[in-house]
Amino acid sequence: MPKFVTLEEAVSHVQDNMELIVGGFSTYSSPEELLEGLAARYEATGHPKNLTTICGITPGDKTEKAEPLKGLNIGLNRLRAEGLIGAVKAGLLNDARAISKAVGGNKIAGIIYPMGVVMNLFRTAAGGRPGLITKVGLGTYCDPRHEGCAVNEKARQMAAPVELLRIDGEEYLFYKAFKPNACFIRATYADEDGNLSMEHEAVLGPELEAAVATHNNGGVVIAQVGEIVRRGTLHPKSVRIHGKLVDFVVKAQNPGNQRQNIFTPKYRPELTGNIRTLDAAVEPLAMSVRKVITRRAAMELKPGIIINLGVGMPAGIGSVAAEEGLGRGMTMSVEAGAMGGVVQEGQSFPGTANPEAIFTQTDMIDMINGGMLDMTFLGLAEIDEKGNVNTSKFAGRSNGPGGFIDISQNTKKVIFMGNFTAGECDIALADGGLKIHKDSGVKFVRQVQQITFSGEYAVKDGQEIMYITERAVFLLTKDGLVLTEIAPGVDLQKDIIGKMEFAPIVSPGLKLMDPRLFRAEKMGLNQGAE
């Protein structure tokens, strides 16, 4: 039976050089009190040191600041003190930017996987298997012929985490299993026997897989909960983790450390499916360059399909679809596990209001990897002449891909969305087109810094790939990027080709983007839809 202990006692069981799984997904389900306690112990004693932290999506708020919210450190950034973390293994570091910056500066060893690989490595370790065999990551920086997931020099001095295999003449990657010594997870309730439930969690992460992987490896499972209830209170179907798999339980003393979302003081039951609200509809996007891009992407939607929305600009697809009445028969999803409903934006992503179903993150990524999605909308940071996309390494940080690789490699049609140039710009919407006053950095480069999406792999696999910006639309072919549309009001040479480090193929049928994209009124995209 687990022990109900103080925070200080719980974190004392994390020792030097351990591999520690940390739960949470961005601003959701982070074991904030446990992270706070561990940081305080290190500050007071200098221990534990040289931890290897393992995360799917790191908990955090996408800042590097020491005090981003009411005097608190947030998420994995709490463990930023030099010497506490020696290495990090994760699917995304972008939400803990102090850590991603340390990886980018080679201060912490960084082994960065696709998010779905991390989820399945928890399951693999729980089942006592040596590793995961998958095609996810082939042709990207995860491939041993590129970086092999080791994104800095410190990581390259460690044992290689991934190998290339051939099975029946086909290439696969073999990712080696974790051997975790401890894990921090969060739950809503624990009963007197230590059984854990997740009623108030908007994202069902890999808590079970992480706990079993740790337990079966002889490690210590430590849970943070909001309340402790009497035995027999929790319905067996709501018990996510049995008490026999839990070693220590800490009841959070600071309510701010148990928020459903770091930035949401109150519990929102519409994010867990416990109620359906009347006001969950997304507000229309303000007229802007972002809306132009999102509208053009939404023109690709079709009734009856299952789609995925990535973080950032792609999350706005839900707003445009609702405004234009395109939702009939179409199901939106996020890799965190929700299907249907209204995907939240900004720091509330990937929460979903009024979801039709909430799967675990691990189950959702398996469905995606198996080809469930008809279409996905993803962001971009750099594109090169081979159609490769980088979203995982820039601005001095090794951010990681999140679910980007799993989704982009296993979806029939992939639409990348983003501004044509990087940095600040001054672009006006006028006369059904664009007027460009000022541009900034180049996104269409000769070679991306890191391959998060492989254009060559996509072409071989027969995927349909589009790149949509406010002034140009490209398709990926076996011969490279083909420019198919340009915005009214822009100059082909000056505003497009002249702002690229390579010359795209210009389609003989090059046409103007729909002028309705650039006007404030609705486009009428649902006309003629079944």
Protein backbone atom coordinates (compact mmCIF):
# COMPACT_ATOMS: atom_id res chain seq x y z
CA MET A 1 0.00 0.00 0.00
CA PRO A 2 1.34 3.47 -0.85
CA LYS A 3 2.41 5.88 1.83
CA PHE A 4 0.74 9.27 2.14
CA VAL A 5 3.70 11.51 2.85
CA THR A 6 4.88 15.08 2.98
CA LEU A 7 6.35 16.75 -0.08
CA GLU A 8 9.80 16.73 1.50
CA GLU A 9 9.72 13.00 2.13
CA ALA A 10 8.38 12.20 -1.32
CA VAL A 11 11.10 14.05 -3.22
CA SER A 12 13.81 12.60 -0.95
CA HIS A 13 13.38 9.32 -2.81
CA VAL A 14 14.77 10.85 -6.02
CA GLN A 15 18.50 10.21 -5.88
CA ASP A 16 21.57 11.28 -7.87
CA ASN A 17 21.87 9.97 -11.46
CA MET A 18 18.33 8.59 -11.61
CA GLU A 19 16.14 8.54 -14.70
CA LEU A 20 13.00 10.47 -13.70
CA ILE A 21 9.80 10.51 -15.77
CA VAL A 22 7.90 13.80 -15.42
CA GLY A 23 4.24 13.83 -16.46
CA GLY A 24 2.15 16.65 -17.88
CA PHE A 25 1.45 18.14 -21.29
CA SER A 26 2.35 21.81 -21.71
CA THR A 27 0.08 23.76 -19.33
CA TYR A 28 -1.98 20.69 -18.35
CA SER A 29 -1.55 18.00 -15.67
CA SER A 30 1.87 19.10 -14.52
CA PRO A 31 2.99 17.73 -11.11
CA GLU A 32 3.94 21.27 -10.11
CA GLU A 33 4.23 20.69 -6.37
CA LEU A 34 6.57 17.74 -6.81
CA LEU A 35 8.76 19.74 -9.19
CA GLU A 36 8.75 22.66 -6.76
CA GLY A 37 9.75 20.36 -3.90
CA LEU A 38 12.55 18.74 -5.88
CA ALA A 39 13.96 22.13 -6.88
CA ALA A 40 13.86 23.29 -3.24
CA ARG A 41 15.66 20.15 -2.09
CA TYR A 42 18.40 20.67 -4.68
CA GLU A 43 18.81 24.31 -3.66
CA ALA A 44 19.12 23.32 0.00
CA THR A 45 21.31 20.20 -0.29
CA GLY A 46 22.82 20.03 -3.79
CA HIS A 47 20.98 16.75 -4.39
CA PRO A 48 19.76 15.01 -6.43
CA LYS A 49 22.20 15.87 -9.17
CA ASN A 50 22.76 14.74 -12.74
CA LEU A 51 19.20 13.51 -13.27
CA THR A 52 17.97 12.31 -16.65
CA THR A 53 14.45 13.65 -17.02
CA ILE A 54 12.06 11.91 -19.42
CA CYS A 55 8.98 13.68 -20.78
CA GLY A 56 6.56 13.36 -23.67
CA ILE A 57 5.58 17.01 -23.93
CA THR A 58 7.41 18.92 -21.22
CA PRO A 59 5.18 20.76 -18.77
CA GLY A 60 5.63 24.53 -18.90
CA ASP A 61 4.38 27.83 -20.27
CA LYS A 62 6.73 28.46 -23.22
CA THR A 63 8.92 30.96 -21.37
CA GLU A 64 12.50 31.15 -20.13
CA LYS A 65 11.68 33.55 -17.29
CA ALA A 66 12.37 32.64 -13.70
CA GLU A 67 9.05 34.06 -12.54
CA PRO A 68 6.55 33.94 -15.39
CA LEU A 69 3.42 33.64 -13.22
CA LYS A 70 2.86 35.24 -9.81
CA GLY A 71 6.34 34.57 -8.50
CA LEU A 72 6.39 30.90 -9.51
CA ASN A 73 8.62 28.88 -11.74
CA ILE A 74 6.55 26.69 -14.03
CA GLY A 75 6.87 23.09 -15.21
CA LEU A 76 10.25 21.59 -16.03
CA ASN A 77 11.79 25.07 -15.88
CA ARG A 78 11.70 24.61 -12.10
CA LEU A 79 14.60 22.16 -12.50
CA ARG A 80 16.76 24.66 -14.36
CA ALA A 81 19.47 24.96 -11.66
CA GLU A 82 22.86 23.98 -13.05
CA GLY A 83 23.81 20.39 -12.21
CA LEU A 84 20.31 19.18 -11.33
CA ILE A 85 19.55 17.83 -14.81
CA GLY A 86 22.38 16.19 -16.73
CA ALA A 87 20.33 14.91 -19.65
CA VAL A 88 16.82 15.18 -20.98
CA LYS A 89 14.92 12.69 -23.12
CA ALA A 90 11.74 14.21 -24.48
CA GLY A 91 9.38 14.63 -27.39
CA LEU A 92 9.07 18.40 -26.97
CA LEU A 93 11.04 20.93 -24.93
CA ASN A 94 9.44 24.10 -26.27
CA ASP A 95 7.20 24.55 -23.21
CA ALA A 96 10.25 24.58 -20.91
CA ARG A 97 12.44 26.99 -22.81
CA ALA A 98 15.08 27.36 -20.12
CA ILE A 99 15.74 23.65 -20.57
CA SER A 100 15.57 23.74 -24.39
CA LYS A 101 18.00 26.67 -24.37
CA ALA A 102 20.38 24.68 -22.13
CA VAL A 103 20.17 21.77 -24.59
CA GLY A 104 20.78 24.14 -27.49
CA GLY A 105 23.85 25.48 -25.65
CA ASN A 106 25.17 21.95 -24.96
CA LYS A 107 24.86 22.41 -21.18
CA ILE A 108 22.41 19.51 -20.87
CA ALA A 109 22.54 16.40 -23.07
CA GLY A 110 19.50 16.33 -25.32
CA ILE A 111 17.98 13.19 -26.80
CA ILE A 112 14.83 14.33 -28.56
CA TYR A 113 12.33 11.83 -29.96
CA PRO A 114 9.01 12.09 -31.75
CA MET A 115 6.32 12.42 -29.08
CA GLY A 116 4.63 9.19 -30.10
CA VAL A 117 7.90 7.31 -29.77
CA VAL A 118 8.18 8.47 -26.14
CA MET A 119 4.59 7.37 -25.44
CA ASN A 120 5.27 3.95 -26.89
CA LEU A 121 8.64 3.64 -25.17
CA PHE A 122 6.80 4.02 -21.84
CA ARG A 123 4.50 1.20 -22.93
CA THR A 124 7.48 -0.80 -24.21
CA ALA A 125 9.33 -0.44 -20.91
CA ALA A 126 6.16 -1.33 -18.99
CA GLY A 127 5.93 -4.56 -20.98
CA GLY A 128 9.57 -5.47 -20.45
CA ARG A 129 10.47 -5.25 -24.13
CA PRO A 130 13.88 -4.06 -25.31
CA GLY A 131 12.63 -1.27 -27.56
CA LEU A 132 10.24 0.00 -30.22
CA ILE A 133 10.38 -0.84 -33.93
CA THR A 134 8.68 1.75 -36.14
CA LYS A 135 9.07 3.75 -39.34
CA VAL A 136 8.37 7.00 -37.50
CA GLY A 137 11.41 9.24 -37.83
CA LEU A 138 12.91 7.75 -41.00
CA GLY A 139 14.53 10.47 -43.09
CA THR A 140 14.34 13.02 -40.26
CA TYR A 141 16.92 14.08 -37.68
CA CYS A 142 15.87 10.98 -35.69
CA ASP A 143 17.38 8.72 -38.35
CA PRO A 144 20.91 7.55 -37.38
CA ARG A 145 22.04 8.62 -40.86
CA HIS A 146 21.35 12.18 -39.68
CA GLU A 147 21.48 12.93 -35.93
CA GLY A 148 19.95 9.79 -34.44
CA CYS A 149 17.92 11.85 -31.92
CA ALA A 150 21.14 13.07 -30.27
CA VAL A 151 20.80 16.80 -30.84
CA ASN A 152 23.99 18.07 -29.20
CA GLU A 153 27.55 17.00 -28.47
CA LYS A 154 26.83 15.86 -24.90
CA ALA A 155 24.11 13.55 -26.19
CA ARG A 156 26.39 12.14 -28.88
CA GLN A 157 28.75 11.00 -26.11
CA MET A 158 25.99 8.83 -24.68
CA ALA A 159 24.91 5.41 -25.94
CA ALA A 160 23.07 5.70 -29.27
CA PRO A 161 19.33 5.71 -28.55
CA VAL A 162 18.20 4.55 -31.99
CA GLU A 163 19.40 2.10 -34.66
CA LEU A 164 18.49 1.50 -38.30
CA LEU A 165 17.05 -1.93 -39.09
CA ARG A 166 15.97 -3.78 -42.23
CA ILE A 167 13.06 -6.20 -41.99
CA ASP A 168 11.87 -8.01 -45.13
CA GLY A 169 13.74 -5.45 -47.23
CA GLU A 170 12.12 -2.42 -45.58
CA GLU A 171 13.77 0.16 -43.34
CA TYR A 172 12.71 0.67 -39.73
CA LEU A 173 14.07 2.47 -36.70
CA PHE A 174 14.68 0.66 -33.42
CA TYR A 175 14.37 2.97 -30.42
CA LYS A 176 15.85 1.51 -27.24
CA ALA A 177 13.62 1.25 -24.16
CA PHE A 178 13.90 3.49 -21.10
CA LYS A 179 14.82 2.16 -17.66
CA PRO A 180 13.20 4.71 -15.34
CA ASN A 181 14.08 4.78 -11.64
CA ALA A 182 11.34 7.21 -10.58
CA CYS A 183 8.35 9.07 -11.92
CA PHE A 184 6.29 12.15 -11.00
CA ILE A 185 2.66 11.93 -12.09
CA ARG A 186 -0.45 13.90 -11.26
CA ALA A 187 -4.00 12.75 -10.60
CA THR A 188 -7.22 14.34 -9.41
CA TYR A 189 -8.03 11.94 -6.57
CA ALA A 190 -6.33 9.20 -4.58
CA ASP A 191 -8.40 6.95 -2.35
CA GLU A 192 -7.14 5.51 0.93
CA ASP A 193 -5.64 2.55 -0.94
CA GLY A 194 -3.70 4.81 -3.31
CA ASN A 195 -5.88 4.20 -6.37
CA LEU A 196 -5.66 7.21 -8.68
CA SER A 197 -8.31 8.79 -10.90
CA MET A 198 -8.15 11.64 -13.41
CA GLU A 199 -11.64 13.20 -13.40
CA HIS A 200 -10.47 16.82 -13.62
CA GLU A 201 -7.62 16.28 -16.09
CA ALA A 202 -8.37 17.66 -19.56
CA VAL A 203 -5.55 15.60 -21.09
CA LEU A 204 -5.13 11.90 -20.35
CA GLY A 205 -1.41 11.44 -20.75
CA PRO A 206 0.78 8.34 -20.37
CA GLU A 207 0.47 8.30 -16.57
CA LEU A 208 -0.43 4.60 -16.45
CA GLU A 209 2.33 3.58 -18.85
CA ALA A 210 4.88 5.72 -16.98
CA ALA A 211 3.86 4.32 -13.60
CA VAL A 212 3.97 0.70 -14.78
CA ALA A 213 7.29 1.22 -16.58
CA THR A 214 8.78 2.67 -13.39
CA HIS A 215 7.24 0.06 -11.08
CA ASN A 216 8.29 -2.87 -13.26
CA ASN A 217 11.83 -1.50 -13.45
CA GLY A 218 12.06 -1.47 -9.65
CA GLY A 219 11.66 2.30 -9.43
CA VAL A 220 9.59 4.57 -7.21
CA VAL A 221 6.21 5.97 -8.33
CA ILE A 222 5.29 9.31 -6.76
CA ALA A 223 1.88 10.89 -7.33
CA GLN A 224 0.60 14.40 -6.66
CA VAL A 225 -3.17 14.63 -6.12
CA GLY A 226 -5.76 17.29 -5.41
CA GLU A 227 -7.76 15.34 -2.81
CA ILE A 228 -7.62 12.09 -0.86
CA VAL A 229 -10.98 10.29 -0.61
CA ARG A 230 -12.32 7.26 1.24
CA ARG A 231 -11.68 3.77 -0.14
CA GLY A 232 -14.51 2.58 -2.31
CA THR A 233 -15.33 6.14 -3.42
CA LEU A 234 -13.79 5.80 -6.87
CA HIS A 235 -15.69 3.78 -9.45
CA PRO A 236 -13.47 0.98 -10.80
CA LYS A 237 -13.81 2.35 -14.34
CA SER A 238 -12.48 5.73 -13.21
CA VAL A 239 -9.38 4.26 -11.57
CA ARG A 240 -6.55 5.00 -13.98
CA ILE A 241 -3.70 3.63 -11.83
CA HIS A 242 -4.09 0.94 -9.15
CA GLY A 243 -2.67 1.69 -5.73
CA LYS A 244 -0.35 -1.33 -5.89
CA LEU A 245 1.59 0.53 -8.58
CA VAL A 246 2.01 3.69 -6.47
CA ASP A 247 4.67 4.14 -3.78
CA PHE A 248 4.05 7.63 -2.43
CA VAL A 249 1.14 10.09 -2.60
CA VAL A 250 1.38 13.81 -1.86
CA LYS A 251 -1.71 15.99 -1.52
CA ALA A 252 -1.00 19.37 -3.10
CA GLN A 253 -1.00 22.11 -0.48
CA ASN A 254 -0.86 25.00 -2.93
CA PRO A 255 -4.09 25.11 -5.02
CA GLY A 256 -2.15 26.86 -7.78
CA ASN A 257 -0.05 23.72 -8.22
CA GLN A 258 -3.13 21.59 -8.96
CA ARG A 259 -4.84 23.77 -11.54
CA GLN A 260 -6.42 21.99 -14.47
CA ASN A 261 -4.50 24.43 -16.65
CA ILE A 262 -1.65 26.56 -15.31
CA PHE A 263 -3.43 29.72 -16.49
CA THR A 264 -7.00 28.74 -15.52
CA PRO A 265 -7.86 29.32 -11.83
CA LYS A 266 -11.15 27.39 -12.03
CA TYR A 267 -11.89 23.85 -13.13
CA ARG A 268 -13.56 23.82 -16.55
CA PRO A 269 -15.76 20.70 -16.76
CA GLU A 270 -16.43 21.24 -20.46
CA LEU A 271 -12.77 20.34 -21.11
CA THR A 272 -13.23 16.92 -19.49
CA GLY A 273 -16.57 16.13 -21.12
CA ASN A 274 -18.44 16.28 -17.81
CA ILE A 275 -20.78 18.98 -19.13
CA ARG A 276 -21.50 20.54 -22.51
CA THR A 277 -21.57 24.31 -22.50
CA LEU A 278 -23.65 26.57 -24.71
CA ASP A 279 -20.88 29.11 -25.25
CA ALA A 280 -18.01 26.88 -26.38
CA ALA A 281 -18.08 28.24 -29.91
CA VAL A 282 -14.82 29.77 -31.05
CA GLU A 283 -14.78 33.49 -31.71
CA PRO A 284 -14.06 34.45 -35.34
CA LEU A 285 -10.42 35.31 -35.96
CA ALA A 286 -9.64 38.99 -36.38
CA MET A 287 -8.93 39.92 -39.99
CA SER A 288 -5.17 39.58 -40.42
CA VAL A 289 -2.44 37.81 -42.36
CA ARG A 290 -2.96 34.84 -40.03
CA LYS A 291 -6.61 34.65 -41.01
CA VAL A 292 -5.68 34.76 -44.71
CA ILE A 293 -3.42 31.72 -44.24
CA THR A 294 -5.96 29.89 -42.11
CA ARG A 295 -8.76 30.56 -44.59
CA ARG A 296 -6.69 29.26 -47.51
CA ALA A 297 -5.92 26.12 -45.54
CA ALA A 298 -9.60 25.69 -44.63
CA MET A 299 -10.47 25.70 -48.34
CA GLU A 300 -8.96 22.19 -48.44
CA LEU A 301 -11.50 20.81 -45.94
CA LYS A 302 -14.06 18.26 -47.07
CA PRO A 303 -17.14 16.80 -45.35
CA GLY A 304 -16.75 13.57 -43.43
CA ILE A 305 -12.98 13.64 -42.90
CA ILE A 306 -10.93 13.23 -39.72
CA ILE A 307 -8.37 15.99 -39.30
CA ASN A 308 -5.66 16.94 -36.83
CA LEU A 309 -4.80 20.46 -35.74
CA GLY A 310 -1.30 21.39 -34.61
CA VAL A 311 -0.44 24.07 -32.08
CA GLY A 312 -0.27 27.76 -33.04
CA MET A 313 -1.65 28.96 -36.35
CA PRO A 314 -3.24 25.60 -37.30
CA ALA A 315 -5.43 25.70 -34.19
CA GLY A 316 -7.31 28.58 -35.87
CA ILE A 317 -8.76 26.18 -38.46
CA GLY A 318 -11.57 25.43 -36.02
CA SER A 319 -12.55 29.09 -35.89
CA VAL A 320 -12.64 29.52 -39.67
CA ALA A 321 -14.49 26.24 -40.15
CA ALA A 322 -17.14 27.33 -37.63
CA GLU A 323 -17.45 30.82 -39.14
CA GLU A 324 -17.85 29.40 -42.64
CA GLY A 325 -20.16 26.54 -41.61
CA LEU A 326 -17.74 23.80 -42.67
CA GLY A 327 -18.13 21.52 -39.67
CA ARG A 328 -20.75 19.13 -41.05
CA GLY A 329 -19.59 15.54 -40.72
CA MET A 330 -15.97 16.57 -40.14
CA THR A 331 -14.13 15.53 -36.97
CA MET A 332 -11.26 17.56 -35.52
CA SER A 333 -8.71 15.96 -33.25
CA VAL A 334 -5.51 16.76 -31.37
CA GLU A 335 -2.66 14.38 -30.63
CA ALA A 336 -3.28 14.85 -26.89
CA GLY A 337 -6.33 12.60 -27.24
CA ALA A 338 -9.54 14.56 -27.83
CA MET A 339 -11.78 14.04 -30.87
CA GLY A 340 -14.59 16.41 -31.78
CA GLY A 341 -15.47 19.58 -29.90
CA VAL A 342 -13.76 22.95 -29.98
CA VAL A 343 -9.96 22.96 -29.82
CA GLN A 344 -8.66 25.71 -27.54
CA GLU A 345 -5.96 28.12 -28.68
CA GLY A 346 -2.86 29.68 -27.15
CA GLN A 347 -1.86 28.46 -23.68
CA SER A 348 -5.13 26.51 -23.47
CA PHE A 349 -4.10 24.18 -26.34
CA PRO A 350 -4.55 21.15 -26.52
CA GLY A 351 -7.62 21.36 -24.29
CA THR A 352 -10.89 20.78 -26.14
CA ALA A 353 -14.29 22.08 -25.08
CA ASN A 354 -17.28 19.76 -25.51
CA PRO A 355 -15.22 16.84 -26.88
CA GLU A 356 -17.01 13.86 -28.40
CA ALA A 357 -14.35 11.48 -27.05
CA ILE A 358 -11.18 11.71 -24.99
CA PHE A 359 -8.63 8.97 -25.58
CA THR A 360 -5.30 8.66 -23.85
CA GLN A 361 -2.39 10.35 -25.54
CA THR A 362 -0.79 6.95 -26.16
CA ASP A 363 -3.90 5.47 -27.76
CA MET A 364 -4.44 8.54 -29.94
CA ILE A 365 -0.88 8.49 -31.26
CA ASP A 366 -1.25 4.79 -32.12
CA MET A 367 -4.39 5.56 -34.13
CA ILE A 368 -2.55 8.37 -35.93
CA ASN A 369 0.46 6.19 -36.67
CA GLY A 370 -1.86 3.59 -38.12
CA GLY A 371 -3.24 6.06 -40.69
CA MET A 372 -6.51 7.23 -39.11
CA LEU A 373 -6.15 10.86 -40.24
CA ASP A 374 -7.30 12.09 -43.64
CA MET A 375 -5.68 15.51 -43.29
CA THR A 376 -3.52 17.47 -40.88
CA PHE A 377 -2.63 21.14 -40.47
CA LEU A 378 0.82 21.84 -39.03
CA GLY A 379 3.08 24.85 -38.53
CA LEU A 380 6.47 25.52 -40.10
CA ALA A 381 9.65 27.41 -39.26
CA GLU A 382 11.91 26.62 -42.24
CA ILE A 383 11.40 24.95 -45.62
CA ASP A 384 14.13 23.95 -48.04
CA GLU A 385 14.32 23.13 -51.74
CA LYS A 386 13.69 19.41 -51.10
CA GLY A 387 10.48 20.19 -49.27
CA ASN A 388 12.00 19.38 -45.87
CA VAL A 389 10.49 21.28 -42.94
CA ASN A 390 12.15 22.29 -39.69
CA THR A 391 10.01 23.00 -36.63
CA SER A 392 12.29 21.51 -33.99
CA LYS A 393 15.48 23.58 -33.87
CA PHE A 394 15.81 27.36 -34.15
CA ALA A 395 16.58 30.55 -32.21
CA GLY A 396 19.34 28.79 -30.25
CA ARG A 397 16.95 26.22 -28.80
CA SER A 398 16.44 22.50 -29.41
CA ASN A 399 12.67 22.44 -29.08
CA GLY A 400 11.84 18.99 -30.38
CA PRO A 401 8.97 17.94 -32.65
CA GLY A 402 6.14 16.98 -30.31
CA GLY A 403 3.70 14.89 -32.34
CA PHE A 404 4.77 16.59 -35.58
CA ILE A 405 6.77 13.64 -36.98
CA ASP A 406 4.22 10.99 -36.05
CA ILE A 407 1.44 13.04 -37.64
CA SER A 408 3.23 14.34 -40.73
CA GLN A 409 4.60 10.93 -41.71
CA ASN A 410 1.33 9.05 -41.29
CA THR A 411 -1.36 11.37 -42.69
CA LYS A 412 -2.64 11.18 -46.25
CA LYS A 413 -2.66 14.95 -46.84
CA VAL A 414 -0.39 17.34 -44.92
CA ILE A 415 -0.83 21.10 -45.02
CA PHE A 416 1.95 23.23 -43.57
CA MET A 417 0.92 26.76 -42.58
CA GLY A 418 2.94 29.84 -41.73
CA ASN A 419 4.08 33.31 -42.70
CA PHE A 420 6.24 33.46 -45.82
CA THR A 421 9.06 35.31 -44.03
CA ALA A 422 10.42 35.15 -40.47
CA GLY A 423 10.39 37.92 -37.89
CA GLU A 424 8.63 41.27 -37.99
CA CYS A 425 6.94 42.44 -41.15
CA ASP A 426 4.43 45.05 -42.28
CA ILE A 427 1.83 43.63 -44.65
CA ALA A 428 -1.48 45.31 -45.39
CA LEU A 429 -4.66 43.69 -46.70
CA ALA A 430 -5.95 45.85 -49.52
CA ASP A 431 -8.14 45.59 -52.62
CA GLY A 432 -8.60 41.83 -52.33
CA GLY A 433 -4.86 41.20 -52.02
CA LEU A 434 -1.68 42.19 -50.20
CA LYS A 435 0.51 45.25 -50.02
CA ILE A 436 3.93 44.43 -48.59
CA HIS A 437 5.63 47.39 -46.91
CA LYS A 438 8.34 45.56 -44.99
CA ASP A 439 9.71 42.02 -44.90
CA SER A 440 12.09 40.29 -42.52
CA GLY A 441 14.06 37.03 -42.37
CA VAL A 442 14.04 34.13 -44.85
CA LYS A 443 12.08 30.94 -44.16
CA PHE A 444 12.56 29.25 -47.54
CA VAL A 445 16.21 28.27 -47.16
CA ARG A 446 18.58 26.13 -49.19
CA GLN A 447 18.92 23.63 -46.36
CA VAL A 448 16.99 23.48 -43.08
CA GLN A 449 18.90 23.43 -39.79
CA GLN A 450 17.19 20.19 -38.79
CA ILE A 451 14.91 17.84 -40.73
CA THR A 452 11.66 17.44 -38.79
CA PHE A 453 9.72 16.49 -41.93
CA SER A 454 11.39 14.69 -44.82
CA GLY A 455 10.15 15.75 -48.24
CA GLU A 456 11.92 12.82 -49.88
CA TYR A 457 10.21 10.32 -47.57
CA ALA A 458 6.80 11.92 -48.23
CA VAL A 459 7.23 11.75 -52.01
CA LYS A 460 8.24 8.08 -51.83
CA ASP A 461 5.26 7.38 -49.59
CA GLY A 462 2.81 9.06 -51.97
CA GLN A 463 1.59 11.73 -49.56
CA GLU A 464 -0.07 14.95 -50.74
CA ILE A 465 1.88 17.90 -49.31
CA MET A 466 0.99 21.62 -49.41
CA TYR A 467 2.74 24.70 -48.03
CA ILE A 468 0.41 27.66 -47.49
CA THR A 469 1.54 31.21 -46.71
CA GLU A 470 -0.15 34.58 -46.98
CA ARG A 471 1.38 35.28 -50.40
CA ALA A 472 2.18 31.92 -51.97
CA VAL A 473 0.99 28.32 -52.10
CA PHE A 474 3.33 25.44 -52.99
CA LEU A 475 2.88 21.74 -53.72
CA LEU A 476 5.59 19.11 -53.21
CA THR A 477 6.44 16.93 -56.22
CA LYS A 478 9.24 14.50 -57.04
CA ASP A 479 11.00 17.41 -58.76
CA GLY A 480 10.75 19.76 -55.77
CA LEU A 481 8.52 22.62 -54.64
CA VAL A 482 6.09 23.91 -57.23
CA LEU A 483 4.63 27.39 -56.82
CA THR A 484 0.94 27.15 -57.75
CA GLU A 485 -0.68 30.33 -56.38
CA ILE A 486 0.37 33.86 -55.49
CA ALA A 487 -1.55 36.62 -53.74
CA PRO A 488 -3.01 39.50 -55.73
CA GLY A 489 -0.84 42.58 -55.33
CA VAL A 490 2.51 40.84 -54.89
CA ASP A 491 5.38 40.76 -57.34
CA LEU A 492 6.50 37.23 -58.25
CA GLN A 493 10.20 38.06 -58.46
CA LYS A 494 10.53 40.74 -55.79
CA ASP A 495 8.16 39.47 -53.11
CA ILE A 496 8.43 35.69 -53.54
CA ILE A 497 11.39 34.30 -55.49
CA GLY A 498 13.61 37.16 -54.34
CA LYS A 499 12.86 36.27 -50.71
CA MET A 500 13.86 32.61 -51.14
CA GLU A 501 17.34 31.05 -51.06
CA PHE A 502 16.38 28.73 -53.90
CA ALA A 503 14.26 29.02 -57.01
CA PRO A 504 11.03 27.00 -56.89
CA ILE A 505 9.42 25.47 -59.95
CA VAL A 506 6.80 27.92 -61.16
CA SER A 507 3.70 26.11 -62.35
CA PRO A 508 2.68 26.83 -65.95
CA GLY A 509 -0.83 27.20 -64.52
CA LEU A 510 0.20 29.69 -61.82
CA LYS A 511 -2.90 31.49 -60.59
CA LEU A 512 -3.93 34.18 -58.14
CA MET A 513 -5.13 33.23 -54.68
CA ASP A 514 -8.86 33.76 -54.17
CA PRO A 515 -9.45 37.49 -53.50
CA ARG A 516 -12.10 36.60 -50.90
CA LEU A 517 -9.27 35.46 -48.65
CA PHE A 518 -8.18 39.06 -48.13
CA ARG A 519 -11.57 40.63 -47.40
CA ALA A 520 -13.28 40.92 -44.04
CA GLU A 521 -16.64 39.42 -44.98
CA LYS A 522 -17.29 35.68 -44.89
CA MET A 523 -16.02 33.78 -47.90
CA GLY A 524 -19.08 31.55 -48.31
CA LEU A 525 -17.02 28.37 -48.34
CA ASN A 526 -19.99 26.21 -47.37
CA GLN A 527 -21.92 27.00 -50.53
CA GLY A 528 -22.52 23.79 -52.41
CA ALA A 529 -21.27 21.66 -49.53
CA GLU A 530 -23.31 18.54 -48.91
